[in-house]
Amino acid sequence: AWIAAGYPVEEGEGRPRTRRHFTARLDHGAVADAGDVARALETGTAQLVDARSAPRFRGEEAEPRPGVRPGHMPGARNVHYAALQSE
């Protein structure tokens, strides 16, 4: 399809055209810490969603990860991750 569209091609080992420097920066507005989550649950300013299976969410099924208590945080809603997958 690339060739049929008339785009350029080349042979051999690929290599970047120029060297670039990248510095990762944390966007604090896109990440919530434990304090942010606790405040959101207290004030109702955000909805916490738990993507585990319903039995794990309800605490009826053991957690496969060591140290994780069964059940969910008060105020959380359950939306299983499989319901979020696109086709």
PDB file of N, CA and C in Angstrom:
ATOM      1  N   ALA A   1       0.837  -1.190   0.000  1.00  0.00           N
ATOM      2  CA  ALA A   1       0.000   0.000   0.000  1.00  0.00           C
ATOM      3  C   ALA A   1       0.881   1.253   0.000  1.00  0.00           C
ATOM      4  N   TRP A   2       2.010   1.211   0.744  1.00  0.00           N
ATOM      5  CA  TRP A   2       2.919   2.358   0.810  1.00  0.00           C
ATOM      6  C   TRP A   2       3.476   2.656  -0.584  1.00  0.00           C
ATOM      7  N   ILE A   3       3.961   1.605  -1.247  1.00  0.00           N
ATOM      8  CA  ILE A   3       4.535   1.767  -2.586  1.00  0.00           C
ATOM      9  C   ILE A   3       3.461   2.172  -3.583  1.00  0.00           C
ATOM     10  N   ALA A   4       2.292   1.520  -3.486  1.00  0.00           N
ATOM     11  CA  ALA A   4       1.193   1.849  -4.400  1.00  0.00           C
ATOM     12  C   ALA A   4       0.768   3.301  -4.266  1.00  0.00           C
ATOM     13  N   ALA A   5       0.916   3.867  -3.081  1.00  0.00           N
ATOM     14  CA  ALA A   5       0.549   5.267  -2.866  1.00  0.00           C
ATOM     15  C   ALA A   5       1.639   6.216  -3.348  1.00  0.00           C
ATOM     16  N   GLY A   6       2.788   5.637  -3.788  1.00  0.00           N
ATOM     17  CA  GLY A   6       3.858   6.461  -4.339  1.00  0.00           C
ATOM     18  C   GLY A   6       4.800   7.061  -3.305  1.00  0.00           C
ATOM     19  N   TYR A   7       4.774   6.548  -2.071  1.00  0.00           N
ATOM     20  CA  TYR A   7       5.682   7.060  -1.046  1.00  0.00           C
ATOM     21  C   TYR A   7       7.089   6.527  -1.265  1.00  0.00           C
ATOM     22  N   PRO A   8       8.117   7.251  -0.823  1.00  0.00           N
ATOM     23  CA  PRO A   8       9.499   6.821  -1.062  1.00  0.00           C
ATOM     24  C   PRO A   8       9.862   5.588  -0.233  1.00  0.00           C
ATOM     25  N   VAL A   9      10.740   4.774  -0.780  1.00  0.00           N
ATOM     26  CA  VAL A   9      11.257   3.600  -0.083  1.00  0.00           C
ATOM     27  C   VAL A   9      12.777   3.608  -0.204  1.00  0.00           C
ATOM     28  N   GLU A  10      13.435   2.900   0.687  1.00  0.00           N
ATOM     29  CA  GLU A  10      14.885   2.771   0.619  1.00  0.00           C
ATOM     30  C   GLU A  10      15.260   1.400   1.157  1.00  0.00           C
ATOM     31  N   GLU A  11      16.449   0.964   0.875  1.00  0.00           N
ATOM     32  CA  GLU A  11      16.926  -0.337   1.325  1.00  0.00           C
ATOM     33  C   GLU A  11      18.052  -0.161   2.317  1.00  0.00           C
ATOM     34  N   GLY A  12      18.332  -1.218   3.069  1.00  0.00           N
ATOM     35  CA  GLY A  12      19.441  -1.189   4.017  1.00  0.00           C
ATOM     36  C   GLY A  12      18.957  -0.943   5.431  1.00  0.00           C
ATOM     37  N   GLU A  13      19.940  -0.822   6.327  1.00  0.00           N
ATOM     38  CA  GLU A  13      19.631  -0.622   7.732  1.00  0.00           C
ATOM     39  C   GLU A  13      19.076   0.785   7.963  1.00  0.00           C
ATOM     40  N   GLY A  14      17.980   0.843   8.665  1.00  0.00           N
ATOM     41  CA  GLY A  14      17.397   2.141   8.972  1.00  0.00           C
ATOM     42  C   GLY A  14      18.183   2.854  10.061  1.00  0.00           C
ATOM     43  N   ARG A  15      18.209   4.159  10.006  1.00  0.00           N
ATOM     44  CA  ARG A  15      18.888   4.941  11.038  1.00  0.00           C
ATOM     45  C   ARG A  15      18.200   6.306  11.147  1.00  0.00           C
ATOM     46  N   PRO A  16      18.166   6.844  12.351  1.00  0.00           N
ATOM     47  CA  PRO A  16      17.521   8.142  12.527  1.00  0.00           C
ATOM     48  C   PRO A  16      18.250   9.225  11.741  1.00  0.00           C
ATOM     49  N   ARG A  17      17.495  10.180  11.257  1.00  0.00           N
ATOM     50  CA  ARG A  17      18.100  11.268  10.478  1.00  0.00           C
ATOM     51  C   ARG A  17      18.865  12.241  11.378  1.00  0.00           C
ATOM     52  N   THR A  18      18.331  12.487  12.545  1.00  0.00           N
ATOM     53  CA  THR A  18      19.005  13.388  13.480  1.00  0.00           C
ATOM     54  C   THR A  18      18.912  12.813  14.884  1.00  0.00           C
ATOM     55  N   ARG A  19      19.851  13.166  15.707  1.00  0.00           N
ATOM     56  CA  ARG A  19      19.854  12.737  17.101  1.00  0.00           C
ATOM     57  C   ARG A  19      19.002  13.731  17.886  1.00  0.00           C
ATOM     58  N   ARG A  20      18.151  13.226  18.742  1.00  0.00           N
ATOM     59  CA  ARG A  20      17.262  14.075  19.542  1.00  0.00           C
ATOM     60  C   ARG A  20      17.431  13.768  21.016  1.00  0.00           C
ATOM     61  N   HIS A  21      17.155  14.762  21.840  1.00  0.00           N
ATOM     62  CA  HIS A  21      17.164  14.586  23.286  1.00  0.00           C
ATOM     63  C   HIS A  21      15.714  14.630  23.764  1.00  0.00           C
ATOM     64  N   PHE A  22      15.365  13.721  24.655  1.00  0.00           N
ATOM     65  CA  PHE A  22      14.012  13.682  25.198  1.00  0.00           C
ATOM     66  C   PHE A  22      14.083  13.693  26.721  1.00  0.00           C
ATOM     67  N   THR A  23      13.321  14.566  27.340  1.00  0.00           N
ATOM     68  CA  THR A  23      13.219  14.616  28.794  1.00  0.00           C
ATOM     69  C   THR A  23      11.765  14.382  29.165  1.00  0.00           C
ATOM     70  N   ALA A  24      11.510  13.293  29.875  1.00  0.00           N
ATOM     71  CA  ALA A  24      10.142  12.987  30.309  1.00  0.00           C
ATOM     72  C   ALA A  24       9.761  13.920  31.446  1.00  0.00           C
ATOM     73  N   ARG A  25       8.508  14.387  31.430  1.00  0.00           N
ATOM     74  CA  ARG A  25       8.003  15.253  32.481  1.00  0.00           C
ATOM     75  C   ARG A  25       6.661  14.721  32.954  1.00  0.00           C
ATOM     76  N   LEU A  26       6.511  14.614  34.260  1.00  0.00           N
ATOM     77  CA  LEU A  26       5.272  14.135  34.850  1.00  0.00           C
ATOM     78  C   LEU A  26       4.206  15.213  34.743  1.00  0.00           C
ATOM     79  N   ASP A  27       3.055  14.848  34.203  1.00  0.00           N
ATOM     80  CA  ASP A  27       1.898  15.748  34.147  1.00  0.00           C
ATOM     81  C   ASP A  27       1.046  15.458  35.370  1.00  0.00           C
ATOM     82  N   HIS A  28       1.214  16.246  36.422  1.00  0.00           N
ATOM     83  CA  HIS A  28       0.498  16.001  37.678  1.00  0.00           C
ATOM     84  C   HIS A  28      -1.013  16.079  37.502  1.00  0.00           C
ATOM     85  N   GLY A  29      -1.488  16.769  36.495  1.00  0.00           N
ATOM     86  CA  GLY A  29      -2.916  16.856  36.238  1.00  0.00           C
ATOM     87  C   GLY A  29      -3.500  15.568  35.677  1.00  0.00           C
ATOM     88  N   ALA A  30      -2.644  14.668  35.206  1.00  0.00           N
ATOM     89  CA  ALA A  30      -3.115  13.419  34.605  1.00  0.00           C
ATOM     90  C   ALA A  30      -2.934  12.224  35.539  1.00  0.00           C
ATOM     91  N   VAL A  31      -2.369  12.447  36.730  1.00  0.00           N
ATOM     92  CA  VAL A  31      -2.089  11.365  37.660  1.00  0.00           C
ATOM     93  C   VAL A  31      -2.659  11.724  39.028  1.00  0.00           C
ATOM     94  N   ALA A  32      -3.311  10.769  39.662  1.00  0.00           N
ATOM     95  CA  ALA A  32      -3.854  10.988  41.005  1.00  0.00           C
ATOM     96  C   ALA A  32      -3.076  10.152  42.012  1.00  0.00           C
ATOM     97  N   ASP A  33      -2.715  10.763  43.131  1.00  0.00           N
ATOM     98  CA  ASP A  33      -2.085   9.987  44.190  1.00  0.00           C
ATOM     99  C   ASP A  33      -3.148   9.581  45.212  1.00  0.00           C
ATOM    100  N   ALA A  34      -2.743   8.868  46.247  1.00  0.00           N
ATOM    101  CA  ALA A  34      -3.705   8.361  47.234  1.00  0.00           C
ATOM    102  C   ALA A  34      -4.491   9.492  47.888  1.00  0.00           C
ATOM    103  N   GLY A  35      -3.842  10.608  48.161  1.00  0.00           N
ATOM    104  CA  GLY A  35      -4.527  11.759  48.754  1.00  0.00           C
ATOM    105  C   GLY A  35      -5.580  12.340  47.826  1.00  0.00           C
ATOM    106  N   ASP A  36      -5.256  12.427  46.539  1.00  0.00           N
ATOM    107  CA  ASP A  36      -6.216  12.916  45.545  1.00  0.00           C
ATOM    108  C   ASP A  36      -7.448  12.022  45.502  1.00  0.00           C
ATOM    109  N   VAL A  37      -7.228  10.709  45.522  1.00  0.00           N
ATOM    110  CA  VAL A  37      -8.337   9.755  45.465  1.00  0.00           C
ATOM    111  C   VAL A  37      -9.198   9.882  46.714  1.00  0.00           C
ATOM    112  N   ALA A  38      -8.571   9.974  47.882  1.00  0.00           N
ATOM    113  CA  ALA A  38      -9.328  10.108  49.132  1.00  0.00           C
ATOM    114  C   ALA A  38     -10.176  11.381  49.123  1.00  0.00           C
ATOM    115  N   ARG A  39      -9.601  12.495  48.673  1.00  0.00           N
ATOM    116  CA  ARG A  39     -10.358  13.762  48.609  1.00  0.00           C
ATOM    117  C   ARG A  39     -11.514  13.667  47.618  1.00  0.00           C
ATOM    118  N   ALA A  40     -11.295  13.043  46.489  1.00  0.00           N
ATOM    119  CA  ALA A  40     -12.355  12.908  45.484  1.00  0.00           C
ATOM    120  C   ALA A  40     -13.506  12.076  46.026  1.00  0.00           C
ATOM    121  N   LEU A  41     -13.185  11.015  46.763  1.00  0.00           N
ATOM    122  CA  LEU A  41     -14.240  10.182  47.350  1.00  0.00           C
ATOM    123  C   LEU A  41     -15.004  10.946  48.437  1.00  0.00           C
ATOM    124  N   GLU A  42     -14.290  11.755  49.223  1.00  0.00           N
ATOM    125  CA  GLU A  42     -14.939  12.540  50.274  1.00  0.00           C
ATOM    126  C   GLU A  42     -15.837  13.631  49.714  1.00  0.00           C
ATOM    127  N   THR A  43     -15.382  14.321  48.674  1.00  0.00           N
ATOM    128  CA  THR A  43     -16.104  15.472  48.135  1.00  0.00           C
ATOM    129  C   THR A  43     -17.048  15.126  46.986  1.00  0.00           C
ATOM    130  N   GLY A  44     -16.873  13.951  46.400  1.00  0.00           N
ATOM    131  CA  GLY A  44     -17.709  13.571  45.265  1.00  0.00           C
ATOM    132  C   GLY A  44     -17.334  14.280  43.981  1.00  0.00           C
ATOM    133  N   THR A  45     -16.104  14.790  43.892  1.00  0.00           N
ATOM    134  CA  THR A  45     -15.672  15.529  42.699  1.00  0.00           C
ATOM    135  C   THR A  45     -15.219  14.620  41.562  1.00  0.00           C
ATOM    136  N   ALA A  46     -15.075  13.325  41.835  1.00  0.00           N
ATOM    137  CA  ALA A  46     -14.688  12.369  40.800  1.00  0.00           C
ATOM    138  C   ALA A  46     -15.259  11.013  41.175  1.00  0.00           C
ATOM    139  N   GLN A  47     -15.369  10.159  40.185  1.00  0.00           N
ATOM    140  CA  GLN A  47     -15.878   8.806  40.424  1.00  0.00           C
ATOM    141  C   GLN A  47     -14.733   7.823  40.299  1.00  0.00           C
ATOM    142  N   LEU A  48     -14.525   7.021  41.315  1.00  0.00           N
ATOM    143  CA  LEU A  48     -13.507   5.984  41.288  1.00  0.00           C
ATOM    144  C   LEU A  48     -14.098   4.735  40.655  1.00  0.00           C
ATOM    145  N   VAL A  49     -13.397   4.180  39.661  1.00  0.00           N
ATOM    146  CA  VAL A  49     -13.863   2.987  38.965  1.00  0.00           C
ATOM    147  C   VAL A  49     -12.878   1.854  39.223  1.00  0.00           C
ATOM    148  N   ASP A  50     -13.405   0.703  39.596  1.00  0.00           N
ATOM    149  CA  ASP A  50     -12.622  -0.500  39.862  1.00  0.00           C
ATOM    150  C   ASP A  50     -12.895  -1.467  38.710  1.00  0.00           C
ATOM    151  N   ALA A  51     -11.847  -1.847  37.966  1.00  0.00           N
ATOM    152  CA  ALA A  51     -12.016  -2.633  36.742  1.00  0.00           C
ATOM    153  C   ALA A  51     -11.891  -4.138  36.958  1.00  0.00           C
ATOM    154  N   ARG A  52     -11.873  -4.579  38.220  1.00  0.00           N
ATOM    155  CA  ARG A  52     -11.774  -6.020  38.480  1.00  0.00           C
ATOM    156  C   ARG A  52     -13.115  -6.703  38.219  1.00  0.00           C
ATOM    157  N   SER A  53     -13.092  -8.036  38.237  1.00  0.00           N
ATOM    158  CA  SER A  53     -14.326  -8.800  38.052  1.00  0.00           C
ATOM    159  C   SER A  53     -15.280  -8.507  39.215  1.00  0.00           C
ATOM    160  N   ALA A  54     -16.570  -8.705  38.972  1.00  0.00           N
ATOM    161  CA  ALA A  54     -17.583  -8.428  39.997  1.00  0.00           C
ATOM    162  C   ALA A  54     -17.350  -9.237  41.279  1.00  0.00           C
ATOM    163  N   PRO A  55     -17.028 -10.540  41.193  1.00  0.00           N
ATOM    164  CA  PRO A  55     -16.781 -11.282  42.430  1.00  0.00           C
ATOM    165  C   PRO A  55     -15.581 -10.752  43.228  1.00  0.00           C
ATOM    166  N   ARG A  56     -14.531 -10.320  42.549  1.00  0.00           N
ATOM    167  CA  ARG A  56     -13.387  -9.731  43.245  1.00  0.00           C
ATOM    168  C   ARG A  56     -13.780  -8.387  43.837  1.00  0.00           C
ATOM    169  N   PHE A  57     -14.537  -7.591  43.098  1.00  0.00           N
ATOM    170  CA  PHE A  57     -15.003  -6.285  43.575  1.00  0.00           C
ATOM    171  C   PHE A  57     -15.838  -6.442  44.848  1.00  0.00           C
ATOM    172  N   ARG A  58     -16.691  -7.457  44.879  1.00  0.00           N
ATOM    173  CA  ARG A  58     -17.557  -7.704  46.038  1.00  0.00           C
ATOM    174  C   ARG A  58     -16.831  -8.418  47.175  1.00  0.00           C
ATOM    175  N   GLY A  59     -15.598  -8.865  46.939  1.00  0.00           N
ATOM    176  CA  GLY A  59     -14.835  -9.559  47.967  1.00  0.00           C
ATOM    177  C   GLY A  59     -15.209 -11.015  48.108  1.00  0.00           C
ATOM    178  N   GLU A  60     -15.896 -11.559  47.117  1.00  0.00           N
ATOM    179  CA  GLU A  60     -16.341 -12.955  47.146  1.00  0.00           C
ATOM    180  C   GLU A  60     -15.293 -13.910  46.570  1.00  0.00           C
ATOM    181  N   GLU A  61     -14.324 -13.361  45.890  1.00  0.00           N
ATOM    182  CA  GLU A  61     -13.276 -14.157  45.251  1.00  0.00           C
ATOM    183  C   GLU A  61     -11.927 -13.656  45.748  1.00  0.00           C
ATOM    184  N   ALA A  62     -11.012 -14.573  46.010  1.00  0.00           N
ATOM    185  CA  ALA A  62      -9.696 -14.197  46.529  1.00  0.00           C
ATOM    186  C   ALA A  62      -8.922 -13.364  45.511  1.00  0.00           C
ATOM    187  N   GLU A  63      -8.130 -12.441  46.015  1.00  0.00           N
ATOM    188  CA  GLU A  63      -7.262 -11.624  45.163  1.00  0.00           C
ATOM    189  C   GLU A  63      -6.039 -12.442  44.758  1.00  0.00           C
ATOM    190  N   PRO A  64      -5.677 -12.439  43.486  1.00  0.00           N
ATOM    191  CA  PRO A  64      -4.501 -13.204  43.049  1.00  0.00           C
ATOM    192  C   PRO A  64      -3.183 -12.521  43.415  1.00  0.00           C
ATOM    193  N   ARG A  65      -3.235 -11.235  43.757  1.00  0.00           N
ATOM    194  CA  ARG A  65      -2.006 -10.501  44.084  1.00  0.00           C
ATOM    195  C   ARG A  65      -1.779 -10.508  45.596  1.00  0.00           C
ATOM    196  N   PRO A  66      -0.589 -10.902  46.027  1.00  0.00           N
ATOM    197  CA  PRO A  66      -0.299 -10.941  47.464  1.00  0.00           C
ATOM    198  C   PRO A  66      -0.429  -9.547  48.079  1.00  0.00           C
ATOM    199  N   GLY A  67      -1.018  -9.503  49.267  1.00  0.00           N
ATOM    200  CA  GLY A  67      -1.112  -8.250  50.005  1.00  0.00           C
ATOM    201  C   GLY A  67      -2.297  -7.377  49.638  1.00  0.00           C
ATOM    202  N   VAL A  68      -3.081  -7.755  48.627  1.00  0.00           N
ATOM    203  CA  VAL A  68      -4.249  -6.968  48.232  1.00  0.00           C
ATOM    204  C   VAL A  68      -5.470  -7.541  48.941  1.00  0.00           C
ATOM    205  N   ARG A  69      -6.135  -6.685  49.720  1.00  0.00           N
ATOM    206  CA  ARG A  69      -7.306  -7.145  50.457  1.00  0.00           C
ATOM    207  C   ARG A  69      -8.488  -7.327  49.510  1.00  0.00           C
ATOM    208  N   PRO A  70      -9.374  -8.266  49.812  1.00  0.00           N
ATOM    209  CA  PRO A  70     -10.557  -8.455  48.962  1.00  0.00           C
ATOM    210  C   PRO A  70     -11.539  -7.290  49.127  1.00  0.00           C
ATOM    211  N   GLY A  71     -12.382  -7.134  48.133  1.00  0.00           N
ATOM    212  CA  GLY A  71     -13.387  -6.070  48.183  1.00  0.00           C
ATOM    213  C   GLY A  71     -12.914  -4.817  47.472  1.00  0.00           C
ATOM    214  N   HIS A  72     -13.611  -3.705  47.740  1.00  0.00           N
ATOM    215  CA  HIS A  72     -13.329  -2.458  47.033  1.00  0.00           C
ATOM    216  C   HIS A  72     -13.350  -1.276  47.993  1.00  0.00           C
ATOM    217  N   MET A  73     -12.878  -0.151  47.512  1.00  0.00           N
ATOM    218  CA  MET A  73     -12.903   1.081  48.298  1.00  0.00           C
ATOM    219  C   MET A  73     -14.338   1.578  48.361  1.00  0.00           C
ATOM    220  N   PRO A  74     -14.800   2.044  49.514  1.00  0.00           N
ATOM    221  CA  PRO A  74     -16.149   2.607  49.604  1.00  0.00           C
ATOM    222  C   PRO A  74     -16.312   3.755  48.601  1.00  0.00           C
ATOM    223  N   GLY A  75     -17.411   3.742  47.880  1.00  0.00           N
ATOM    224  CA  GLY A  75     -17.677   4.781  46.883  1.00  0.00           C
ATOM    225  C   GLY A  75     -17.260   4.407  45.472  1.00  0.00           C
ATOM    226  N   ALA A  76     -16.483   3.329  45.327  1.00  0.00           N
ATOM    227  CA  ALA A  76     -16.040   2.915  43.997  1.00  0.00           C
ATOM    228  C   ALA A  76     -17.179   2.224  43.254  1.00  0.00           C
ATOM    229  N   ARG A  77     -17.151   2.325  41.944  1.00  0.00           N
ATOM    230  CA  ARG A  77     -18.102   1.628  41.068  1.00  0.00           C
ATOM    231  C   ARG A  77     -17.346   0.537  40.326  1.00  0.00           C
ATOM    232  N   ASN A  78     -18.038  -0.532  39.998  1.00  0.00           N
ATOM    233  CA  ASN A  78     -17.408  -1.645  39.297  1.00  0.00           C
ATOM    234  C   ASN A  78     -17.765  -1.621  37.823  1.00  0.00           C
ATOM    235  N   VAL A  79     -16.733  -1.538  36.980  1.00  0.00           N
ATOM    236  CA  VAL A  79     -16.875  -1.669  35.524  1.00  0.00           C
ATOM    237  C   VAL A  79     -15.768  -2.622  35.112  1.00  0.00           C
ATOM    238  N   HIS A  80     -16.114  -3.862  34.832  1.00  0.00           N
ATOM    239  CA  HIS A  80     -15.105  -4.859  34.496  1.00  0.00           C
ATOM    240  C   HIS A  80     -14.334  -4.429  33.257  1.00  0.00           C
ATOM    241  N   TYR A  81     -13.023  -4.658  33.291  1.00  0.00           N
ATOM    242  CA  TYR A  81     -12.162  -4.204  32.184  1.00  0.00           C
ATOM    243  C   TYR A  81     -12.588  -4.757  30.833  1.00  0.00           C
ATOM    244  N   ALA A  82     -13.144  -5.959  30.789  1.00  0.00           N
ATOM    245  CA  ALA A  82     -13.540  -6.556  29.503  1.00  0.00           C
ATOM    246  C   ALA A  82     -14.646  -5.740  28.857  1.00  0.00           C
ATOM    247  N   ALA A  83     -15.440  -5.033  29.646  1.00  0.00           N
ATOM    248  CA  ALA A  83     -16.503  -4.192  29.081  1.00  0.00           C
ATOM    249  C   ALA A  83     -15.937  -2.966  28.389  1.00  0.00           C
ATOM    250  N   LEU A  84     -14.672  -2.653  28.628  1.00  0.00           N
ATOM    251  CA  LEU A  84     -14.045  -1.452  28.057  1.00  0.00           C
ATOM    252  C   LEU A  84     -13.255  -1.749  26.799  1.00  0.00           C
ATOM    253  N   GLN A  85     -13.077  -3.012  26.463  1.00  0.00           N
ATOM    254  CA  GLN A  85     -12.288  -3.379  25.295  1.00  0.00           C
ATOM    255  C   GLN A  85     -13.037  -3.058  24.017  1.00  0.00           C
ATOM    256  N   SER A  86     -12.315  -2.469  23.069  1.00  0.00           N
ATOM    257  CA  SER A  86     -12.936  -2.176  21.776  1.00  0.00           C
ATOM    258  C   SER A  86     -12.776  -3.369  20.851  1.00  0.00           C
ATOM    259  N   GLU A  87     -13.596  -3.435  19.864  1.00  0.00           N
ATOM    260  CA  GLU A  87     -13.573  -4.559  18.925  1.00  0.00           C
ATOM    261  C   GLU A  87     -12.579  -4.337  17.829  1.00  0.00           C
TER     262      GLU A  87
END
